[in-house]
């Protein structure tokens, strides 16, 4: 054969070899995470995968050829998550830990991804299940290691963006359970509690994460957790009512919501129970009459006005409680926070729609926002009803929470020599208990050894009792 023919034969053999190699099927049908979008077929759900984690605080290596897939519902773009993604499918969600940050460049919210889980591990952080790359042991302590770049290249397949972004599941605070962890949820008609409105989401100076408390109009609450590194950490929590969206987490047994960004909280409506300024005033006796014997909503668009007969400075009452009386009757207002009203203040309180209920037998307007109460004037007084103990016992239902006076009463005790605790009041017509808290400013006052005149509030705590307001309520 001539040199020329040998040359062309060699060229032909080389081309044949190249063609043969080109026809060999590669190991994977899809490119690695850094390439063009690909796809895998999941053979298990996220919920089924999470069920393999059975040791709280422990680690389980995944031995089966399991593949999960889903849509990313939380990334690290805002800084509220760090080296973490939340992945969700129809069965639930799971947090995936990585060794690298700025994950949103490849794995942003809305992108589908698929993960070959074999040889990866499951663990949890204070109750929140996580998929991790491996573990490391230092000084006998086992710690999580996120997916390395090499694991990302071989284990994670980057899919297409969802044609329609995953909508949050609309829930209430009462609905929340572990099946919703690491999933995208939305709560409507909620607001931050008053103490947490207009506050920064986190501490941007120290970079400390903070919790802010969310509530609905039934006072059911949920924590909103924000990292000090979030790009909205210095933003202020809304002051109104509206909706909030985020990914649900947990710390121990406490659920926490993580915003994806500041736009997740839109609260520009009137807060729960806000007043209109057009409420109709009713008598306290009419308000009491509206109570049906079980939890009742006070008549809509109504307010009451009266004079404060309790003395918060005497510290013989819970700091949230206030007794108010008009010319017809009296009632206890139980505020949601410590109130600022003093003995003798005339106040107006919007009670429409508020809960009328009994606490240990005492009728009260419950969980009233302090914002619903307005100071009208100061320095007023209520003339107490002078009555015998027998009359108090007979007319208790009508006179409950009102200011009364007993003349010629003796105060006795089975143990102790001061006013502190339960004491028996007797005026010759009958007896009734008088109770003074140990924290009251006058609890250490010695029991008088002679008959006295007692001014007190007629109250109830699983039985009739009198409550002193201050030391001046006992006169010899």
Protein backbone atom coordinates (compact mmCIF):
# COMPACT_ATOMS: atom_id res chain seq x y z
CA UNK A 1 0.00 0.00 0.00
CA UNK A 2 1.32 3.46 -0.88
CA UNK A 3 2.14 6.06 1.77
CA UNK A 4 -0.76 8.12 0.46
CA UNK A 5 -3.25 5.27 0.98
CA UNK A 6 -1.85 4.56 4.44
CA UNK A 7 -2.43 8.22 5.36
CA UNK A 8 -6.08 8.20 4.25
CA UNK A 9 -6.68 4.84 5.98
CA UNK A 10 -5.39 6.28 9.27
CA UNK A 11 -7.64 9.34 8.90
CA UNK A 12 -10.64 7.11 8.26
CA UNK A 13 -9.89 4.96 11.33
CA UNK A 14 -9.59 8.08 13.50
CA UNK A 15 -12.92 9.45 12.28
CA UNK A 16 -14.57 6.08 12.94
CA UNK A 17 -13.21 6.04 16.48
CA UNK A 18 -14.47 9.56 17.13
CA UNK A 19 -17.89 8.65 15.81
CA UNK A 20 -18.03 5.59 18.07
CA UNK A 21 -17.21 7.60 21.15
CA UNK A 22 -19.83 10.19 20.23
CA UNK A 23 -22.50 7.49 20.18
CA UNK A 24 -21.73 6.22 23.70
CA UNK A 25 -24.50 7.25 26.20
CA UNK A 26 -23.18 9.51 28.99
CA UNK A 27 -23.81 8.64 32.67
CA UNK A 28 -26.39 11.43 33.26
CA UNK A 29 -29.27 12.64 31.09
CA UNK A 30 -29.02 16.14 32.55
CA UNK A 31 -26.26 18.66 33.09
CA UNK A 32 -24.86 19.41 36.55
CA UNK A 33 -26.32 22.19 38.69
CA UNK A 34 -24.25 24.83 37.01
CA UNK A 35 -25.41 24.01 33.48
CA UNK A 36 -28.65 24.29 31.57
CA UNK A 37 -31.89 23.35 33.36
CA UNK A 38 -32.56 19.61 33.51
CA UNK A 39 -34.97 17.23 35.15
CA UNK A 40 -35.21 14.06 37.21
CA UNK A 41 -38.21 11.97 38.17
CA UNK A 42 -38.72 11.98 41.95
CA UNK A 43 -39.34 8.53 43.42
CA UNK A 44 -40.23 9.72 46.92
CA UNK A 45 -41.92 12.71 48.49
CA UNK A 46 -40.39 15.21 50.87
CA UNK A 47 -42.73 14.01 53.62
CA UNK A 48 -41.61 10.41 53.09
CA UNK A 49 -37.97 11.47 53.15
CA UNK A 50 -38.42 13.44 56.38
CA UNK A 51 -40.07 10.41 57.97
CA UNK A 52 -36.71 8.63 57.76
CA UNK A 53 -35.38 11.00 60.41
CA UNK A 54 -36.32 9.23 63.63
CA UNK A 55 -33.66 10.31 66.11
CA UNK A 56 -34.18 13.78 67.55
CA UNK A 57 -30.85 15.57 67.32
CA UNK A 58 -29.32 12.55 65.60
CA UNK A 59 -28.15 11.83 62.06
CA UNK A 60 -29.37 9.27 59.52
CA UNK A 61 -27.48 8.51 56.32
CA UNK A 62 -29.77 7.94 53.33
CA UNK A 63 -28.84 4.59 51.77
CA UNK A 64 -31.52 4.21 49.13
CA UNK A 65 -31.49 5.70 45.64
CA UNK A 66 -34.06 8.30 46.65
CA UNK A 67 -34.83 11.35 44.55
CA UNK A 68 -36.92 14.29 45.69
CA UNK A 69 -38.04 17.29 43.70
CA UNK A 70 -39.85 20.49 44.41
CA UNK A 71 -39.93 24.25 44.17
CA UNK A 72 -37.68 26.55 46.17
CA UNK A 73 -39.86 28.65 48.47
CA UNK A 74 -37.07 30.34 50.47
CA UNK A 75 -33.56 31.37 49.45
CA UNK A 76 -30.84 33.53 50.96
CA UNK A 77 -31.28 36.63 48.83
CA UNK A 78 -32.64 38.81 51.65
CA UNK A 79 -30.15 37.51 54.22
CA UNK A 80 -32.90 36.15 56.45
CA UNK A 81 -31.61 32.63 55.64
CA UNK A 82 -27.92 31.76 55.48
CA UNK A 83 -26.57 28.87 53.39
CA UNK A 84 -30.06 27.39 53.43
CA UNK A 85 -32.90 26.76 51.02
CA UNK A 86 -36.44 25.61 51.73
CA UNK A 87 -37.77 23.12 49.18
CA UNK A 88 -41.47 22.28 48.92
CA UNK A 89 -43.51 19.69 47.06
CA UNK A 90 -47.16 18.69 47.39
CA UNK A 91 -46.43 16.70 50.55
CA UNK A 92 -44.51 19.28 52.57
CA UNK A 93 -41.20 21.10 52.82
CA UNK A 94 -37.65 20.60 54.02
CA UNK A 95 -34.68 22.85 54.72
CA UNK A 96 -31.49 22.01 52.82
CA UNK A 97 -28.15 23.15 54.24
CA UNK A 98 -25.24 24.12 51.98
CA UNK A 99 -21.59 24.98 52.53
CA UNK A 100 -21.83 27.97 50.18
CA UNK A 101 -23.73 31.23 50.44
CA UNK A 102 -25.40 33.43 47.80
CA UNK A 103 -27.37 30.38 46.76
CA UNK A 104 -30.02 32.53 45.10
CA UNK A 105 -27.69 33.01 42.12
CA UNK A 106 -28.33 29.43 41.04
CA UNK A 107 -31.28 28.45 43.20
CA UNK A 108 -33.70 31.38 43.54
CA UNK A 109 -37.25 31.25 44.84
CA UNK A 110 -39.51 29.76 42.18
CA UNK A 111 -36.92 27.45 40.63
CA UNK A 112 -37.51 23.72 40.65
CA UNK A 113 -34.67 21.47 41.74
CA UNK A 114 -34.17 17.72 42.08
CA UNK A 115 -31.87 16.05 44.57
CA UNK A 116 -30.28 12.59 44.56
CA UNK A 117 -30.41 11.93 48.28
CA UNK A 118 -28.29 8.77 48.51
CA UNK A 119 -25.36 9.23 50.94
CA UNK A 120 -26.71 12.58 52.13
CA UNK A 121 -27.92 12.82 55.73
CA UNK A 122 -31.00 13.85 57.68
CA UNK A 123 -30.87 15.66 61.01
CA UNK A 124 -32.78 18.38 62.82
CA UNK A 125 -32.02 21.68 64.51
CA UNK A 126 -34.23 22.08 67.58
CA UNK A 127 -37.03 20.17 65.92
CA UNK A 128 -36.67 21.44 62.33
CA UNK A 129 -35.70 18.60 59.97
CA UNK A 130 -32.79 19.35 57.60
CA UNK A 131 -31.10 17.64 54.68
CA UNK A 132 -27.31 18.00 54.99
CA UNK A 133 -24.20 16.84 53.16
CA UNK A 134 -22.29 15.11 55.95
CA UNK A 135 -21.09 15.50 59.53
CA UNK A 136 -17.84 16.35 61.26
CA UNK A 137 -16.77 15.33 64.76
CA UNK A 138 -14.67 17.67 66.86
CA UNK A 139 -13.87 17.04 70.52
CA UNK A 140 -16.50 14.32 70.54
CA UNK A 141 -19.25 16.62 69.25
CA UNK A 142 -20.93 15.74 65.96
CA UNK A 143 -21.89 18.74 63.81
CA UNK A 144 -23.67 19.22 60.50
CA UNK A 145 -21.86 19.99 57.27
CA UNK A 146 -23.86 21.45 54.41
CA UNK A 147 -23.77 20.15 50.86
CA UNK A 148 -20.34 20.84 49.40
CA UNK A 149 -19.82 22.25 45.91
CA UNK A 150 -18.85 18.76 44.75
CA UNK A 151 -22.07 17.31 46.17
CA UNK A 152 -24.07 20.06 44.55
CA UNK A 153 -22.57 19.17 41.17
CA UNK A 154 -23.41 15.48 41.50
CA UNK A 155 -26.51 15.50 43.67
CA UNK A 156 -28.50 18.58 42.70
CA UNK A 157 -30.18 19.10 39.36
CA UNK A 158 -31.34 22.60 38.57
CA UNK A 159 -34.77 22.60 36.94
CA UNK A 160 -36.93 25.12 35.18
CA UNK A 161 -38.71 28.00 36.86
CA UNK A 162 -42.26 27.19 37.88
CA UNK A 163 -44.72 28.38 35.25
CA UNK A 164 -46.87 29.77 38.05
CA UNK A 165 -45.15 30.64 41.33
CA UNK A 166 -46.26 28.49 44.22
CA UNK A 167 -49.02 30.26 46.14
CA UNK A 168 -48.83 30.30 49.93
CA UNK A 169 -51.23 28.14 51.86
CA UNK A 170 -53.68 30.37 53.73
CA UNK A 171 -53.85 29.33 57.38
CA UNK A 172 -54.68 30.69 60.81
CA UNK A 173 -52.41 30.55 63.83
CA UNK A 174 -54.60 27.73 65.17
CA UNK A 175 -54.18 25.70 61.97
CA UNK A 176 -50.39 25.54 62.13
CA UNK A 177 -48.81 22.13 62.74
CA UNK A 178 -45.60 20.26 61.93
CA UNK A 179 -46.81 19.26 58.46
CA UNK A 180 -46.38 22.91 57.42
CA UNK A 181 -42.74 23.26 58.51
CA UNK A 182 -40.46 24.63 55.77
CA UNK A 183 -43.47 25.48 53.60
CA UNK A 184 -44.78 28.80 52.31
CA UNK A 185 -47.82 30.01 54.27
CA UNK A 186 -49.94 33.14 54.60
CA UNK A 187 -51.94 34.49 57.53
CA UNK A 188 -54.67 37.06 56.93
CA UNK A 189 -56.33 39.59 59.23
CA UNK A 190 -53.33 39.66 61.55
CA UNK A 191 -51.31 42.40 63.20
CA UNK A 192 -48.23 42.78 65.34
CA UNK A 193 -49.04 43.18 69.00
CA UNK A 194 -49.01 46.79 70.08
CA UNK A 195 -45.65 46.50 71.87
CA UNK A 196 -44.06 45.22 68.65
CA UNK A 197 -45.51 47.74 66.17
CA UNK A 198 -43.20 50.32 64.65
CA UNK A 199 -40.19 48.32 65.85
CA UNK A 200 -37.24 47.12 63.79
CA UNK A 201 -37.51 43.52 62.67
CA UNK A 202 -34.07 42.74 64.14
CA UNK A 203 -31.08 44.42 65.81
CA UNK A 204 -29.01 45.85 62.97
CA UNK A 205 -26.29 47.15 65.31
CA UNK A 206 -25.44 43.89 67.06
CA UNK A 207 -26.76 41.76 64.17
CA UNK A 208 -28.83 39.82 66.69
CA UNK A 209 -31.95 38.05 65.48
CA UNK A 210 -35.21 39.12 67.14
CA UNK A 211 -38.71 37.77 67.57
CA UNK A 212 -41.75 39.96 67.00
CA UNK A 213 -45.18 38.72 68.02
CA UNK A 214 -48.05 38.49 65.57
CA UNK A 215 -51.69 38.11 66.62
CA UNK A 216 -55.07 37.71 65.02
CA UNK A 217 -58.28 39.30 66.26
CA UNK A 218 -58.88 36.30 68.55
CA UNK A 219 -55.50 36.95 70.22
CA UNK A 220 -53.94 33.78 68.76
CA UNK A 221 -50.23 34.48 68.35
CA UNK A 222 -47.25 33.49 66.21
CA UNK A 223 -43.64 34.64 66.38
CA UNK A 224 -41.96 36.33 63.43
CA UNK A 225 -38.22 35.60 63.53
CA UNK A 226 -35.78 37.87 61.64
CA UNK A 227 -32.02 37.65 61.29
CA UNK A 228 -29.92 40.71 62.12
CA UNK A 229 -28.29 40.18 58.72
CA UNK A 230 -31.56 40.44 56.78
CA UNK A 231 -31.58 43.37 54.37
CA UNK A 232 -34.86 44.50 55.96
CA UNK A 233 -33.72 44.11 59.58
CA UNK A 234 -33.83 47.89 60.05
CA UNK A 235 -37.32 48.12 58.58
CA UNK A 236 -40.19 48.90 60.93
CA UNK A 237 -43.01 46.49 61.65
CA UNK A 238 -46.39 47.72 60.33
CA UNK A 239 -48.84 49.35 62.72
CA UNK A 240 -52.04 48.20 61.01
CA UNK A 241 -53.73 44.90 60.22
CA UNK A 242 -53.36 42.84 57.08
CA UNK A 243 -51.61 39.73 55.83
CA UNK A 244 -48.16 38.21 56.23
CA UNK A 245 -46.38 35.56 54.15
CA UNK A 246 -43.33 33.51 54.94
CA UNK A 247 -41.81 30.12 55.53
CA UNK A 248 -42.69 28.32 58.74
CA UNK A 249 -39.98 27.16 61.11
CA UNK A 250 -39.87 25.86 64.66
CA UNK A 251 -37.53 26.15 67.63
CA UNK A 252 -38.25 23.43 70.14
CA UNK A 253 -42.03 23.59 70.34
CA UNK A 254 -42.40 27.24 69.32
CA UNK A 255 -43.42 27.96 65.73
CA UNK A 256 -41.66 30.83 63.97
CA UNK A 257 -42.39 32.56 60.68
CA UNK A 258 -39.53 33.78 58.46
CA UNK A 259 -40.29 36.52 55.95
CA UNK A 260 -38.77 36.10 52.51
CA UNK A 261 -38.50 39.88 52.28
CA UNK A 262 -40.15 42.95 53.76
CA UNK A 263 -42.92 42.82 51.17
CA UNK A 264 -44.19 39.72 52.91
CA UNK A 265 -45.96 41.83 55.54
CA UNK A 266 -48.66 44.14 54.16
CA UNK A 267 -50.70 45.60 57.01
CA UNK A 268 -52.36 48.86 56.13
CA UNK A 269 -55.92 48.22 57.32
CA UNK A 270 -57.56 49.26 60.58
CA UNK A 271 -56.41 47.13 63.50
CA UNK A 272 -58.59 44.55 65.21
CA UNK A 273 -61.29 46.16 67.27
CA UNK A 274 -60.37 49.68 66.23
CA UNK A 275 -62.97 52.30 67.13
CA UNK A 276 -64.87 54.45 64.69
CA UNK A 277 -65.67 57.39 66.95
CA UNK A 278 -69.38 56.95 66.23
CA UNK A 279 -70.21 54.44 68.96
CA UNK A 280 -73.46 54.74 70.93
CA UNK A 281 -73.12 55.05 74.71
CA UNK A 282 -75.00 52.53 76.85
CA UNK A 283 -75.37 52.10 80.60
CA UNK A 284 -73.19 49.55 82.36
CA UNK A 285 -76.36 47.79 83.55
CA UNK A 286 -77.37 47.31 79.89
CA UNK A 287 -73.93 45.92 79.12
CA UNK A 288 -74.17 43.45 81.98
CA UNK A 289 -77.62 42.39 80.80
CA UNK A 290 -76.18 41.39 77.44
CA UNK A 291 -74.27 38.52 79.06
CA UNK A 292 -75.97 35.19 78.28
CA UNK A 293 -74.25 32.94 80.81
CA UNK A 294 -71.40 31.88 78.52
CA UNK A 295 -68.89 33.85 76.46
CA UNK A 296 -70.87 36.60 74.72
CA UNK A 297 -69.95 39.40 72.33
CA UNK A 298 -70.92 42.81 73.65
CA UNK A 299 -73.42 44.69 71.47
CA UNK A 300 -71.75 46.12 68.38
CA UNK A 301 -70.79 49.77 68.09
CA UNK A 302 -71.31 50.50 71.79
CA UNK A 303 -69.31 52.30 74.48
CA UNK A 304 -69.65 52.87 78.21
CA UNK A 305 -68.59 55.76 80.43
CA UNK A 306 -67.99 55.76 84.14
CA UNK A 307 -65.68 56.50 87.03
CA UNK A 308 -62.78 54.29 88.05
CA UNK A 309 -63.34 52.89 91.54
CA UNK A 310 -60.24 50.68 91.71
CA UNK A 311 -56.85 52.01 92.75
CA UNK A 312 -53.95 50.61 90.75
CA UNK A 313 -51.48 52.39 93.04
CA UNK A 314 -52.66 50.23 95.95
CA UNK A 315 -51.46 47.12 94.07
CA UNK A 316 -54.32 45.00 95.35
CA UNK A 317 -55.45 44.18 91.80
CA UNK A 318 -53.98 42.66 88.68
CA UNK A 319 -52.36 45.51 86.75
CA UNK A 320 -54.59 44.78 83.74
CA UNK A 321 -57.88 45.03 85.67
CA UNK A 322 -60.02 48.11 86.20
CA UNK A 323 -63.36 48.50 88.02
CA UNK A 324 -65.65 51.14 86.52
CA UNK A 325 -69.03 52.33 87.77
CA UNK A 326 -71.78 54.60 86.51
CA UNK A 327 -75.16 55.47 88.03
CA UNK A 328 -76.64 52.11 87.08
CA UNK A 329 -74.04 49.40 87.81
CA UNK A 330 -70.37 48.48 87.77
CA UNK A 331 -68.18 46.04 85.86
CA UNK A 332 -64.57 44.90 85.52
CA UNK A 333 -62.59 45.72 82.39
CA UNK A 334 -59.75 43.31 81.69
CA UNK A 335 -57.26 45.06 79.38
CA UNK A 336 -54.69 43.35 77.17
CA UNK A 337 -51.88 45.42 78.71
CA UNK A 338 -51.27 47.38 81.89
CA UNK A 339 -53.65 50.33 81.92
CA UNK A 340 -52.80 53.92 83.04
CA UNK A 341 -56.06 54.88 84.77
CA UNK A 342 -56.25 55.97 88.39
CA UNK A 343 -58.87 56.04 91.11
CA UNK A 344 -61.35 58.84 90.33
CA UNK A 345 -60.65 59.03 86.60
CA UNK A 346 -63.67 59.33 84.37
CA UNK A 347 -63.10 57.12 81.33
CA UNK A 348 -64.89 56.14 78.17
CA UNK A 349 -64.37 52.61 76.84
CA UNK A 350 -65.51 51.18 73.51
CA UNK A 351 -66.87 47.72 74.32
CA UNK A 352 -68.66 46.84 71.08
CA UNK A 353 -67.83 43.31 69.95
CA UNK A 354 -65.64 42.60 72.99
CA UNK A 355 -65.91 39.39 74.98
CA UNK A 356 -68.24 39.33 77.97
CA UNK A 357 -67.21 36.38 80.14
CA UNK A 358 -66.79 35.24 83.71
CA UNK A 359 -63.45 34.66 85.42
CA UNK A 360 -63.89 32.58 88.56
CA UNK A 361 -67.46 33.87 88.75
CA UNK A 362 -66.71 37.56 88.14
CA UNK A 363 -68.28 39.11 85.03
CA UNK A 364 -65.76 41.06 82.97
CA UNK A 365 -65.21 42.63 79.58
CA UNK A 366 -62.20 40.60 78.50
CA UNK A 367 -59.08 41.32 76.43
CA UNK A 368 -59.88 44.96 75.77
CA UNK A 369 -57.18 46.90 73.96
CA UNK A 370 -55.97 49.87 76.01
CA UNK A 371 -56.47 51.89 72.81
CA UNK A 372 -60.22 51.49 73.29
CA UNK A 373 -60.19 53.48 76.55
CA UNK A 374 -60.05 57.28 76.74
CA UNK A 375 -59.58 59.56 79.75
CA UNK A 376 -62.39 62.11 80.01
CA UNK A 377 -61.57 63.84 83.31
CA UNK A 378 -59.90 63.29 86.69
CA UNK A 379 -60.70 63.87 90.35
CA UNK A 380 -64.19 62.32 90.27
CA UNK A 381 -65.67 60.16 93.00
CA UNK A 382 -68.36 57.55 93.52
CA UNK A 383 -70.44 57.53 96.68
CA UNK A 384 -70.31 53.96 98.05
CA UNK A 385 -73.56 52.13 98.78
CA UNK A 386 -73.95 51.78 102.57
CA UNK A 387 -75.28 48.31 103.32
CA UNK A 388 -75.16 45.51 105.83
CA UNK A 389 -73.32 42.28 105.09
CA UNK A 390 -76.69 40.54 104.88
CA UNK A 391 -77.80 43.00 102.19
CA UNK A 392 -74.54 42.48 100.28
CA UNK A 393 -75.09 38.74 100.24
CA UNK A 394 -78.73 39.10 99.19
CA UNK A 395 -78.13 41.62 96.40
CA UNK A 396 -74.75 40.36 95.26
CA UNK A 397 -75.72 39.68 91.62
CA UNK A 398 -77.02 43.22 91.10
CA UNK A 399 -74.27 44.95 93.09
CA UNK A 400 -71.28 42.95 91.86
CA UNK A 401 -68.17 45.11 91.16
CA UNK A 402 -69.72 48.18 92.79
CA UNK A 403 -68.35 50.25 95.67
CA UNK A 404 -69.94 49.49 99.06
CA UNK A 405 -69.57 50.59 102.69
CA UNK A 406 -70.10 48.51 105.84
CA UNK A 407 -70.41 50.24 109.21
CA UNK A 408 -69.50 48.59 112.49
CA UNK A 409 -67.63 45.68 110.99
CA UNK A 410 -65.11 43.50 112.77
CA UNK A 411 -62.19 41.90 110.94
CA UNK A 412 -60.97 38.51 112.13
CA UNK A 413 -58.54 35.90 110.89
CA UNK A 414 -57.88 32.24 111.69
CA UNK A 415 -54.13 32.83 111.22
CA UNK A 416 -52.06 35.98 110.86
CA UNK A 417 -52.41 39.44 112.37
CA UNK A 418 -52.34 41.67 109.29
CA UNK A 419 -54.72 42.39 106.42
CA UNK A 420 -52.81 40.10 104.04
CA UNK A 421 -54.83 37.12 102.82
CA UNK A 422 -58.42 36.09 103.45
CA UNK A 423 -60.11 37.80 106.42
CA UNK A 424 -63.67 37.49 107.74
CA UNK A 425 -65.89 40.59 107.92
CA UNK A 426 -68.85 40.45 110.31
CA UNK A 427 -71.25 43.24 111.23
CA UNK A 428 -73.74 41.22 113.24
CA UNK A 429 -75.98 40.55 110.21
CA UNK A 430 -73.73 38.10 108.46
CA UNK A 431 -70.22 37.46 107.28
CA UNK A 432 -68.25 37.83 104.05
CA UNK A 433 -64.65 37.28 103.04
CA UNK A 434 -62.27 40.19 102.44
CA UNK A 435 -59.11 39.33 100.50
CA UNK A 436 -55.90 41.37 100.32
CA UNK A 437 -52.98 40.38 98.13
CA UNK A 438 -49.59 40.13 99.77
CA UNK A 439 -48.26 42.57 97.14
CA UNK A 440 -50.73 45.29 98.19
CA UNK A 441 -49.07 48.38 99.63
CA UNK A 442 -51.18 48.02 102.82
CA UNK A 443 -51.07 44.22 103.24
CA UNK A 444 -48.90 44.53 106.34
CA UNK A 445 -51.39 46.76 108.16
CA UNK A 446 -52.33 45.19 111.53
CA UNK A 447 -55.89 43.99 111.97
CA UNK A 448 -57.90 46.58 113.92
CA UNK A 449 -59.05 45.36 117.30
CA UNK A 450 -62.26 47.38 117.25
CA UNK A 451 -65.25 47.67 114.89
CA UNK A 452 -64.47 49.78 111.82
CA UNK A 453 -66.10 51.23 108.74
CA UNK A 454 -64.96 49.47 105.57
CA UNK A 455 -65.24 50.82 102.05
CA UNK A 456 -64.50 48.16 99.43
CA UNK A 457 -65.37 46.75 96.03
CA UNK A 458 -67.86 43.89 96.07
CA UNK A 459 -66.18 41.24 93.95
CA UNK A 460 -66.12 37.52 93.24
CA UNK A 461 -63.45 34.84 93.15
CA UNK A 462 -65.29 31.54 93.25
CA UNK A 463 -67.37 33.14 95.97
CA UNK A 464 -68.34 36.56 97.27
CA UNK A 465 -65.51 38.73 98.54
CA UNK A 466 -64.59 42.32 99.30
CA UNK A 467 -61.50 44.03 97.89
CA UNK A 468 -59.92 47.02 99.58
CA UNK A 469 -58.48 49.71 97.32
CA UNK A 470 -55.99 51.35 99.72
CA UNK A 471 -55.27 51.79 103.43
CA UNK A 472 -57.80 54.64 103.70
CA UNK A 473 -60.64 52.19 103.03
CA UNK A 474 -60.61 51.20 106.71
CA UNK A 475 -61.74 53.91 109.10
CA UNK A 476 -62.19 53.61 112.88
